[in-house]
């Protein structure tokens, strides 16, 4: 009898531990007050609406930065810009002061500030900007869905292909909540964070009434880009894909403070510094 009791207790504990483990990974619908300060170490991406399906502190990089994630359709995306200075294998990503199509670099976003001010004020909020060599970490271009390119992403996550970005917006077009003014082409506000964007008078643009942004919880931030100097900080968000168009150019996704749509570009110079969002494997 005692043997059966012990066996029963062991099974009960095992089931309880399994349920606890599953619950920790569970995607739940939350507002923006459950986790003040966000899951990350200073990202301040806390404005998650009740429509967002959030996984708090979904992944941690080798620098110890923790990132929230959101489920949008069948995909799980980081809800914060990547800000690591190390690959998952421990290799460091050097800070860049020049451009390169072959050497991996990261850059601290900003405008009209010294580099030190950019690092102190902006990296924790806006993440680093990375050139394409840094993003890919030696991997070849991929147009597959999923891309299969871990690149700069933490273990269990990967760099999205152009097809994965298109999957994201195609899904959004099936959800009225994500369409500004009911227009399936007006998706920018649903991806853009509620803060950080320059003001715009254009209806349904991220810079117009930004408190109504971010229905998805994706929390896109306008870190601009680096191309020998910093451009469009607070005006423009650019996100790399793992898909190249040719030896010099790559596909990427852009949002602008004054434009209601999402732009797919195929002319990203590989030496440009753009933001990175990873997708869960």
C-alpha atoms as a PDB file:
ATOM      1  CA  UNK A   1       0.000   0.000   0.000  1.00  0.00           C
ATOM      2  CA  UNK A   2       2.822   2.379   0.911  1.00  0.00           C
ATOM      3  CA  UNK A   3       4.531   1.610  -2.410  1.00  0.00           C
ATOM      4  CA  UNK A   4       1.384   2.552  -4.342  1.00  0.00           C
ATOM      5  CA  UNK A   5       0.982   5.716  -2.241  1.00  0.00           C
ATOM      6  CA  UNK A   6       4.555   6.801  -3.054  1.00  0.00           C
ATOM      7  CA  UNK A   7       4.014   6.026  -6.732  1.00  0.00           C
ATOM      8  CA  UNK A   8       0.804   8.072  -6.720  1.00  0.00           C
ATOM      9  CA  UNK A   9       2.535  10.999  -5.026  1.00  0.00           C
ATOM     10  CA  UNK A  10       5.397  10.867  -7.535  1.00  0.00           C
ATOM     11  CA  UNK A  11       2.973  10.909 -10.462  1.00  0.00           C
ATOM     12  CA  UNK A  12       1.041  13.804  -8.897  1.00  0.00           C
ATOM     13  CA  UNK A  13       4.235  15.826  -8.432  1.00  0.00           C
ATOM     14  CA  UNK A  14       5.378  15.065 -11.975  1.00  0.00           C
ATOM     15  CA  UNK A  15       2.067  16.212 -13.430  1.00  0.00           C
ATOM     16  CA  UNK A  16       2.128  19.358 -11.269  1.00  0.00           C
ATOM     17  CA  UNK A  17       5.656  20.196 -12.417  1.00  0.00           C
ATOM     18  CA  UNK A  18       4.700  19.640 -16.038  1.00  0.00           C
ATOM     19  CA  UNK A  19       1.654  21.885 -15.731  1.00  0.00           C
ATOM     20  CA  UNK A  20       3.734  24.592 -14.040  1.00  0.00           C
ATOM     21  CA  UNK A  21       6.326  24.398 -16.814  1.00  0.00           C
ATOM     22  CA  UNK A  22       3.645  24.646 -19.502  1.00  0.00           C
ATOM     23  CA  UNK A  23       1.991  27.578 -17.755  1.00  0.00           C
ATOM     24  CA  UNK A  24       5.258  29.491 -17.723  1.00  0.00           C
ATOM     25  CA  UNK A  25       5.419  29.237 -21.512  1.00  0.00           C
ATOM     26  CA  UNK A  26       1.707  29.857 -21.977  1.00  0.00           C
ATOM     27  CA  UNK A  27       0.721  32.711 -24.241  1.00  0.00           C
ATOM     28  CA  UNK A  28      -1.833  34.823 -22.393  1.00  0.00           C
ATOM     29  CA  UNK A  29      -3.923  37.856 -23.238  1.00  0.00           C
ATOM     30  CA  UNK A  30      -2.809  40.684 -20.937  1.00  0.00           C
ATOM     31  CA  UNK A  31      -3.092  44.416 -20.562  1.00  0.00           C
ATOM     32  CA  UNK A  32      -0.157  46.732 -19.998  1.00  0.00           C
ATOM     33  CA  UNK A  33      -0.150  46.890 -16.189  1.00  0.00           C
ATOM     34  CA  UNK A  34       0.808  43.350 -15.225  1.00  0.00           C
ATOM     35  CA  UNK A  35       4.518  43.829 -15.721  1.00  0.00           C
ATOM     36  CA  UNK A  36       5.521  47.491 -15.225  1.00  0.00           C
ATOM     37  CA  UNK A  37       8.911  48.181 -16.770  1.00  0.00           C
ATOM     38  CA  UNK A  38       8.493  45.432 -19.331  1.00  0.00           C
ATOM     39  CA  UNK A  39      10.243  42.098 -19.500  1.00  0.00           C
ATOM     40  CA  UNK A  40      13.404  43.650 -20.883  1.00  0.00           C
ATOM     41  CA  UNK A  41      16.147  45.444 -19.013  1.00  0.00           C
ATOM     42  CA  UNK A  42      15.018  48.998 -19.643  1.00  0.00           C
ATOM     43  CA  UNK A  43      13.221  48.739 -22.986  1.00  0.00           C
ATOM     44  CA  UNK A  44      10.097  50.487 -21.626  1.00  0.00           C
ATOM     45  CA  UNK A  45       7.907  48.604 -24.115  1.00  0.00           C
ATOM     46  CA  UNK A  46       5.056  48.354 -21.634  1.00  0.00           C
ATOM     47  CA  UNK A  47       2.134  49.691 -23.643  1.00  0.00           C
ATOM     48  CA  UNK A  48       0.527  46.366 -24.490  1.00  0.00           C
ATOM     49  CA  UNK A  49      -3.195  46.715 -25.185  1.00  0.00           C
ATOM     50  CA  UNK A  50      -5.750  44.116 -24.205  1.00  0.00           C
ATOM     51  CA  UNK A  51      -5.740  42.937 -27.837  1.00  0.00           C
ATOM     52  CA  UNK A  52      -2.079  41.833 -27.602  1.00  0.00           C
ATOM     53  CA  UNK A  53      -1.203  38.221 -26.814  1.00  0.00           C
ATOM     54  CA  UNK A  54       1.929  38.665 -24.710  1.00  0.00           C
ATOM     55  CA  UNK A  55       4.616  36.296 -23.455  1.00  0.00           C
ATOM     56  CA  UNK A  56       6.544  38.199 -20.806  1.00  0.00           C
ATOM     57  CA  UNK A  57      10.309  37.612 -20.638  1.00  0.00           C
ATOM     58  CA  UNK A  58      10.103  35.049 -23.435  1.00  0.00           C
ATOM     59  CA  UNK A  59      13.852  34.929 -24.126  1.00  0.00           C
ATOM     60  CA  UNK A  60      17.168  36.178 -22.720  1.00  0.00           C
ATOM     61  CA  UNK A  61      20.297  36.954 -24.761  1.00  0.00           C
ATOM     62  CA  UNK A  62      23.913  36.415 -23.678  1.00  0.00           C
ATOM     63  CA  UNK A  63      24.168  39.996 -22.409  1.00  0.00           C
ATOM     64  CA  UNK A  64      21.348  39.218 -19.972  1.00  0.00           C
ATOM     65  CA  UNK A  65      18.763  41.329 -21.803  1.00  0.00           C
ATOM     66  CA  UNK A  66      15.270  39.872 -21.446  1.00  0.00           C
ATOM     67  CA  UNK A  67      12.692  40.305 -24.177  1.00  0.00           C
ATOM     68  CA  UNK A  68       8.929  40.120 -24.182  1.00  0.00           C
ATOM     69  CA  UNK A  69       7.250  38.496 -27.160  1.00  0.00           C
ATOM     70  CA  UNK A  70       3.825  38.609 -28.788  1.00  0.00           C
ATOM     71  CA  UNK A  71       1.856  36.043 -30.719  1.00  0.00           C
ATOM     72  CA  UNK A  72       0.390  37.394 -33.947  1.00  0.00           C
ATOM     73  CA  UNK A  73      -1.446  34.701 -35.848  1.00  0.00           C
ATOM     74  CA  UNK A  74       0.721  31.582 -35.972  1.00  0.00           C
ATOM     75  CA  UNK A  75       3.948  33.487 -35.337  1.00  0.00           C
ATOM     76  CA  UNK A  76       5.640  34.580 -32.113  1.00  0.00           C
ATOM     77  CA  UNK A  77       7.719  37.753 -32.499  1.00  0.00           C
ATOM     78  CA  UNK A  78       9.995  39.599 -30.116  1.00  0.00           C
ATOM     79  CA  UNK A  79       8.134  42.675 -28.906  1.00  0.00           C
ATOM     80  CA  UNK A  80      11.384  44.620 -28.482  1.00  0.00           C
ATOM     81  CA  UNK A  81      14.298  45.529 -30.717  1.00  0.00           C
ATOM     82  CA  UNK A  82      17.328  43.317 -30.293  1.00  0.00           C
ATOM     83  CA  UNK A  83      20.094  44.924 -28.220  1.00  0.00           C
ATOM     84  CA  UNK A  84      22.661  42.172 -27.834  1.00  0.00           C
ATOM     85  CA  UNK A  85      26.406  42.582 -28.370  1.00  0.00           C
ATOM     86  CA  UNK A  86      27.000  38.817 -28.481  1.00  0.00           C
ATOM     87  CA  UNK A  87      25.904  35.935 -30.654  1.00  0.00           C
ATOM     88  CA  UNK A  88      24.467  32.807 -29.088  1.00  0.00           C
ATOM     89  CA  UNK A  89      27.873  31.139 -29.559  1.00  0.00           C
ATOM     90  CA  UNK A  90      29.536  33.842 -27.436  1.00  0.00           C
ATOM     91  CA  UNK A  91      31.210  35.745 -30.285  1.00  0.00           C
ATOM     92  CA  UNK A  92      31.165  39.501 -29.722  1.00  0.00           C
ATOM     93  CA  UNK A  93      29.648  41.971 -32.176  1.00  0.00           C
ATOM     94  CA  UNK A  94      31.913  45.028 -32.334  1.00  0.00           C
ATOM     95  CA  UNK A  95      30.574  48.561 -32.105  1.00  0.00           C
ATOM     96  CA  UNK A  96      30.986  50.245 -35.461  1.00  0.00           C
ATOM     97  CA  UNK A  97      32.143  53.723 -36.377  1.00  0.00           C
ATOM     98  CA  UNK A  98      32.210  53.005 -40.117  1.00  0.00           C
ATOM     99  CA  UNK A  99      30.231  50.930 -42.606  1.00  0.00           C
ATOM    100  CA  UNK A 100      31.080  47.519 -44.038  1.00  0.00           C
ATOM    101  CA  UNK A 101      29.500  44.851 -46.243  1.00  0.00           C
ATOM    102  CA  UNK A 102      31.743  42.122 -44.832  1.00  0.00           C
ATOM    103  CA  UNK A 103      32.535  42.936 -41.177  1.00  0.00           C
ATOM    104  CA  UNK A 104      29.770  42.626 -38.571  1.00  0.00           C
ATOM    105  CA  UNK A 105      28.986  45.840 -36.702  1.00  0.00           C
ATOM    106  CA  UNK A 106      26.348  47.195 -34.359  1.00  0.00           C
ATOM    107  CA  UNK A 107      25.543  50.896 -33.912  1.00  0.00           C
ATOM    108  CA  UNK A 108      23.812  52.864 -31.175  1.00  0.00           C
ATOM    109  CA  UNK A 109      20.828  54.738 -32.661  1.00  0.00           C
ATOM    110  CA  UNK A 110      20.387  58.467 -32.242  1.00  0.00           C
ATOM    111  CA  UNK A 111      20.457  61.892 -33.798  1.00  0.00           C
ATOM    112  CA  UNK A 112      22.447  65.046 -32.997  1.00  0.00           C
ATOM    113  CA  UNK A 113      24.062  63.355 -30.005  1.00  0.00           C
ATOM    114  CA  UNK A 114      27.483  62.029 -29.180  1.00  0.00           C
ATOM    115  CA  UNK A 115      28.022  58.302 -29.470  1.00  0.00           C
ATOM    116  CA  UNK A 116      28.193  58.014 -25.678  1.00  0.00           C
ATOM    117  CA  UNK A 117      24.840  59.765 -25.312  1.00  0.00           C
ATOM    118  CA  UNK A 118      23.323  57.466 -27.927  1.00  0.00           C
ATOM    119  CA  UNK A 119      24.465  54.408 -25.984  1.00  0.00           C
ATOM    120  CA  UNK A 120      23.318  55.701 -22.611  1.00  0.00           C
ATOM    121  CA  UNK A 121      19.988  57.151 -23.711  1.00  0.00           C
ATOM    122  CA  UNK A 122      18.833  55.087 -26.642  1.00  0.00           C
ATOM    123  CA  UNK A 123      20.096  51.492 -26.728  1.00  0.00           C
ATOM    124  CA  UNK A 124      18.016  50.350 -23.768  1.00  0.00           C
ATOM    125  CA  UNK A 125      14.902  51.776 -25.400  1.00  0.00           C
ATOM    126  CA  UNK A 126      15.486  51.405 -29.131  1.00  0.00           C
ATOM    127  CA  UNK A 127      17.987  48.541 -29.294  1.00  0.00           C
ATOM    128  CA  UNK A 128      21.097  48.501 -31.458  1.00  0.00           C
ATOM    129  CA  UNK A 129      21.190  48.932 -35.211  1.00  0.00           C
ATOM    130  CA  UNK A 130      23.041  46.125 -37.034  1.00  0.00           C
ATOM    131  CA  UNK A 131      24.456  45.763 -40.519  1.00  0.00           C
ATOM    132  CA  UNK A 132      23.435  42.705 -42.524  1.00  0.00           C
ATOM    133  CA  UNK A 133      26.725  40.807 -41.932  1.00  0.00           C
ATOM    134  CA  UNK A 134      26.056  41.110 -38.197  1.00  0.00           C
ATOM    135  CA  UNK A 135      22.474  39.912 -38.612  1.00  0.00           C
ATOM    136  CA  UNK A 136      23.383  36.834 -40.651  1.00  0.00           C
ATOM    137  CA  UNK A 137      26.544  35.756 -38.753  1.00  0.00           C
ATOM    138  CA  UNK A 138      27.897  33.966 -41.818  1.00  0.00           C
ATOM    139  CA  UNK A 139      24.604  32.340 -42.890  1.00  0.00           C
ATOM    140  CA  UNK A 140      23.438  32.394 -46.501  1.00  0.00           C
ATOM    141  CA  UNK A 141      20.376  34.293 -47.669  1.00  0.00           C
ATOM    142  CA  UNK A 142      17.081  32.500 -47.172  1.00  0.00           C
ATOM    143  CA  UNK A 143      13.663  33.097 -48.710  1.00  0.00           C
ATOM    144  CA  UNK A 144      12.140  30.098 -46.918  1.00  0.00           C
ATOM    145  CA  UNK A 145       9.381  30.264 -44.322  1.00  0.00           C
ATOM    146  CA  UNK A 146      10.686  29.799 -41.683  1.00  0.00           C
ATOM    147  CA  UNK A 147      14.045  31.145 -42.781  1.00  0.00           C
ATOM    148  CA  UNK A 148      16.167  28.645 -40.839  1.00  0.00           C
ATOM    149  CA  UNK A 149      18.715  31.419 -40.162  1.00  0.00           C
ATOM    150  CA  UNK A 150      19.541  31.816 -36.488  1.00  0.00           C
ATOM    151  CA  UNK A 151      22.109  34.490 -37.256  1.00  0.00           C
ATOM    152  CA  UNK A 152      22.170  37.099 -34.503  1.00  0.00           C
ATOM    153  CA  UNK A 153      19.140  35.701 -32.673  1.00  0.00           C
ATOM    154  CA  UNK A 154      19.210  33.808 -29.358  1.00  0.00           C
ATOM    155  CA  UNK A 155      18.831  30.026 -29.329  1.00  0.00           C
ATOM    156  CA  UNK A 156      15.318  28.967 -30.277  1.00  0.00           C
ATOM    157  CA  UNK A 157      14.756  32.076 -32.412  1.00  0.00           C
ATOM    158  CA  UNK A 158      15.638  33.091 -35.956  1.00  0.00           C
ATOM    159  CA  UNK A 159      15.937  36.029 -38.355  1.00  0.00           C
ATOM    160  CA  UNK A 160      12.686  36.370 -40.337  1.00  0.00           C
ATOM    161  CA  UNK A 161      12.735  35.941 -44.090  1.00  0.00           C
ATOM    162  CA  UNK A 162      10.845  38.333 -46.337  1.00  0.00           C
ATOM    163  CA  UNK A 163       8.168  35.624 -46.608  1.00  0.00           C
ATOM    164  CA  UNK A 164       7.730  35.675 -42.824  1.00  0.00           C
ATOM    165  CA  UNK A 165       7.218  39.442 -42.799  1.00  0.00           C
ATOM    166  CA  UNK A 166       4.611  39.023 -45.521  1.00  0.00           C
ATOM    167  CA  UNK A 167       2.941  36.256 -43.506  1.00  0.00           C
ATOM    168  CA  UNK A 168       2.680  38.711 -40.608  1.00  0.00           C
ATOM    169  CA  UNK A 169       0.969  41.451 -42.592  1.00  0.00           C
ATOM    170  CA  UNK A 170      -1.197  39.006 -44.552  1.00  0.00           C
ATOM    171  CA  UNK A 171      -2.568  37.752 -41.248  1.00  0.00           C
ATOM    172  CA  UNK A 172      -3.116  41.302 -40.010  1.00  0.00           C
ATOM    173  CA  UNK A 173      -5.242  42.004 -43.082  1.00  0.00           C
ATOM    174  CA  UNK A 174      -7.709  39.349 -41.886  1.00  0.00           C
ATOM    175  CA  UNK A 175      -8.178  41.077 -38.511  1.00  0.00           C
ATOM    176  CA  UNK A 176     -10.331  44.236 -38.437  1.00  0.00           C
ATOM    177  CA  UNK A 177      -8.719  45.262 -35.125  1.00  0.00           C
ATOM    178  CA  UNK A 178      -5.402  45.798 -36.930  1.00  0.00           C
ATOM    179  CA  UNK A 179      -6.753  47.873 -39.843  1.00  0.00           C
ATOM    180  CA  UNK A 180      -6.843  51.623 -39.280  1.00  0.00           C
ATOM    181  CA  UNK A 181     -10.151  53.067 -40.553  1.00  0.00           C
ATOM    182  CA  UNK A 182     -11.069  49.580 -41.733  1.00  0.00           C
ATOM    183  CA  UNK A 183      -8.482  49.741 -44.523  1.00  0.00           C
ATOM    184  CA  UNK A 184      -6.390  46.561 -44.954  1.00  0.00           C
ATOM    185  CA  UNK A 185      -3.529  48.668 -46.325  1.00  0.00           C
ATOM    186  CA  UNK A 186      -3.337  50.767 -43.138  1.00  0.00           C
ATOM    187  CA  UNK A 187      -1.449  48.445 -40.796  1.00  0.00           C
ATOM    188  CA  UNK A 188       1.360  50.668 -39.516  1.00  0.00           C
ATOM    189  CA  UNK A 189      -0.437  51.900 -36.384  1.00  0.00           C
ATOM    190  CA  UNK A 190      -1.172  48.341 -35.245  1.00  0.00           C
ATOM    191  CA  UNK A 191       2.572  47.544 -35.334  1.00  0.00           C
ATOM    192  CA  UNK A 192       3.939  50.856 -34.026  1.00  0.00           C
ATOM    193  CA  UNK A 193       4.611  51.552 -30.351  1.00  0.00           C
ATOM    194  CA  UNK A 194       2.552  54.233 -28.616  1.00  0.00           C
ATOM    195  CA  UNK A 195       5.580  56.417 -27.956  1.00  0.00           C
ATOM    196  CA  UNK A 196       8.806  57.564 -29.638  1.00  0.00           C
ATOM    197  CA  UNK A 197       7.278  58.645 -32.957  1.00  0.00           C
ATOM    198  CA  UNK A 198       7.434  62.186 -34.284  1.00  0.00           C
ATOM    199  CA  UNK A 199       4.043  63.801 -34.656  1.00  0.00           C
ATOM    200  CA  UNK A 200       2.154  63.660 -37.942  1.00  0.00           C
ATOM    201  CA  UNK A 201      -1.093  65.217 -39.166  1.00  0.00           C
ATOM    202  CA  UNK A 202      -1.688  62.303 -41.556  1.00  0.00           C
ATOM    203  CA  UNK A 203      -4.680  60.253 -40.454  1.00  0.00           C
ATOM    204  CA  UNK A 204      -3.941  56.633 -39.481  1.00  0.00           C
ATOM    205  CA  UNK A 205      -0.160  57.163 -39.447  1.00  0.00           C
ATOM    206  CA  UNK A 206       1.879  56.090 -36.375  1.00  0.00           C
ATOM    207  CA  UNK A 207       2.653  59.731 -35.551  1.00  0.00           C
ATOM    208  CA  UNK A 208      -1.031  60.677 -35.516  1.00  0.00           C
ATOM    209  CA  UNK A 209      -2.746  60.067 -32.169  1.00  0.00           C
ATOM    210  CA  UNK A 210      -0.087  57.486 -31.153  1.00  0.00           C
ATOM    211  CA  UNK A 211      -2.035  56.435 -28.069  1.00  0.00           C
ATOM    212  CA  UNK A 212      -4.166  54.371 -30.458  1.00  0.00           C
ATOM    213  CA  UNK A 213      -1.127  52.521 -31.872  1.00  0.00           C
ATOM    214  CA  UNK A 214       0.104  48.996 -31.166  1.00  0.00           C
ATOM    215  CA  UNK A 215      -3.003  46.811 -31.372  1.00  0.00           C
ATOM    216  CA  UNK A 216      -0.710  43.828 -32.084  1.00  0.00           C
ATOM    217  CA  UNK A 217       1.694  44.542 -29.207  1.00  0.00           C
ATOM    218  CA  UNK A 218       4.606  44.414 -31.697  1.00  0.00           C
ATOM    219  CA  UNK A 219       5.762  47.803 -30.358  1.00  0.00           C
ATOM    220  CA  UNK A 220       7.816  48.943 -33.367  1.00  0.00           C
ATOM    221  CA  UNK A 221      10.094  51.841 -32.475  1.00  0.00           C
ATOM    222  CA  UNK A 222      11.544  54.448 -34.869  1.00  0.00           C
ATOM    223  CA  UNK A 223      15.258  53.859 -34.357  1.00  0.00           C
ATOM    224  CA  UNK A 224      16.008  55.140 -37.866  1.00  0.00           C
ATOM    225  CA  UNK A 225      19.079  53.742 -39.578  1.00  0.00           C
ATOM    226  CA  UNK A 226      22.853  54.143 -39.812  1.00  0.00           C
ATOM    227  CA  UNK A 227      24.703  54.708 -43.072  1.00  0.00           C
ATOM    228  CA  UNK A 228      27.885  56.484 -42.069  1.00  0.00           C
ATOM    229  CA  UNK A 229      25.701  58.752 -39.950  1.00  0.00           C
ATOM    230  CA  UNK A 230      22.271  58.425 -38.312  1.00  0.00           C
ATOM    231  CA  UNK A 231      19.093  59.128 -40.246  1.00  0.00           C
ATOM    232  CA  UNK A 232      15.366  59.409 -39.430  1.00  0.00           C
ATOM    233  CA  UNK A 233      15.599  58.789 -35.690  1.00  0.00           C
ATOM    234  CA  UNK A 234      12.029  59.052 -34.302  1.00  0.00           C
ATOM    235  CA  UNK A 235      10.702  59.131 -37.885  1.00  0.00           C
ATOM    236  CA  UNK A 236      11.326  55.681 -39.301  1.00  0.00           C
ATOM    237  CA  UNK A 237      11.627  52.019 -38.248  1.00  0.00           C
ATOM    238  CA  UNK A 238      13.498  49.527 -40.439  1.00  0.00           C
ATOM    239  CA  UNK A 239      13.691  45.779 -39.814  1.00  0.00           C
ATOM    240  CA  UNK A 240      16.053  43.392 -41.575  1.00  0.00           C
ATOM    241  CA  UNK A 241      15.039  40.158 -43.253  1.00  0.00           C
ATOM    242  CA  UNK A 242      17.251  37.145 -43.991  1.00  0.00           C
ATOM    243  CA  UNK A 243      16.443  37.469 -47.704  1.00  0.00           C
ATOM    244  CA  UNK A 244      18.794  39.218 -50.101  1.00  0.00           C
ATOM    245  CA  UNK A 245      17.816  40.602 -53.488  1.00  0.00           C
ATOM    246  CA  UNK A 246      21.362  40.501 -54.851  1.00  0.00           C
ATOM    247  CA  UNK A 247      24.968  40.736 -53.664  1.00  0.00           C
ATOM    248  CA  UNK A 248      24.463  44.300 -52.467  1.00  0.00           C
ATOM    249  CA  UNK A 249      20.813  44.659 -51.431  1.00  0.00           C
ATOM    250  CA  UNK A 250      18.407  42.969 -49.049  1.00  0.00           C
ATOM    251  CA  UNK A 251      14.660  42.950 -48.379  1.00  0.00           C
ATOM    252  CA  UNK A 252      13.421  44.759 -45.280  1.00  0.00           C
ATOM    253  CA  UNK A 253      10.249  46.191 -43.757  1.00  0.00           C
ATOM    254  CA  UNK A 254       9.745  49.881 -42.953  1.00  0.00           C
ATOM    255  CA  UNK A 255       7.307  52.031 -40.992  1.00  0.00           C
ATOM    256  CA  UNK A 256       7.173  55.826 -41.155  1.00  0.00           C
ATOM    257  CA  UNK A 257       5.707  58.286 -38.673  1.00  0.00           C
ATOM    258  CA  UNK A 258       3.604  59.954 -41.381  1.00  0.00           C
ATOM    259  CA  UNK A 259       2.532  56.932 -43.480  1.00  0.00           C
ATOM    260  CA  UNK A 260      -0.379  54.615 -42.655  1.00  0.00           C
ATOM    261  CA  UNK A 261       0.902  51.643 -44.629  1.00  0.00           C
ATOM    262  CA  UNK A 262       3.693  49.117 -44.162  1.00  0.00           C
ATOM    263  CA  UNK A 263       6.439  49.324 -46.770  1.00  0.00           C
ATOM    264  CA  UNK A 264       8.350  46.350 -48.144  1.00  0.00           C
ATOM    265  CA  UNK A 265      11.690  47.428 -49.545  1.00  0.00           C
ATOM    266  CA  UNK A 266      14.251  45.445 -51.554  1.00  0.00           C
ATOM    267  CA  UNK A 267      17.076  47.970 -51.635  1.00  0.00           C
ATOM    268  CA  UNK A 268      18.550  47.732 -48.158  1.00  0.00           C
ATOM    269  CA  UNK A 269      22.309  48.164 -48.519  1.00  0.00           C
ATOM    270  CA  UNK A 270      24.044  45.420 -46.580  1.00  0.00           C
ATOM    271  CA  UNK A 271      26.211  48.009 -44.826  1.00  0.00           C
ATOM    272  CA  UNK A 272      23.154  49.868 -43.481  1.00  0.00           C
ATOM    273  CA  UNK A 273      22.391  49.619 -39.784  1.00  0.00           C
ATOM    274  CA  UNK A 274      18.773  48.546 -39.203  1.00  0.00           C
ATOM    275  CA  UNK A 275      16.801  47.179 -36.250  1.00  0.00           C
ATOM    276  CA  UNK A 276      16.280  43.444 -35.734  1.00  0.00           C
ATOM    277  CA  UNK A 277      13.264  41.458 -34.554  1.00  0.00           C
ATOM    278  CA  UNK A 278      13.556  37.704 -34.120  1.00  0.00           C
ATOM    279  CA  UNK A 279      10.821  35.091 -34.601  1.00  0.00           C
ATOM    280  CA  UNK A 280      10.479  32.010 -32.428  1.00  0.00           C
ATOM    281  CA  UNK A 281      11.399  28.716 -34.104  1.00  0.00           C
END
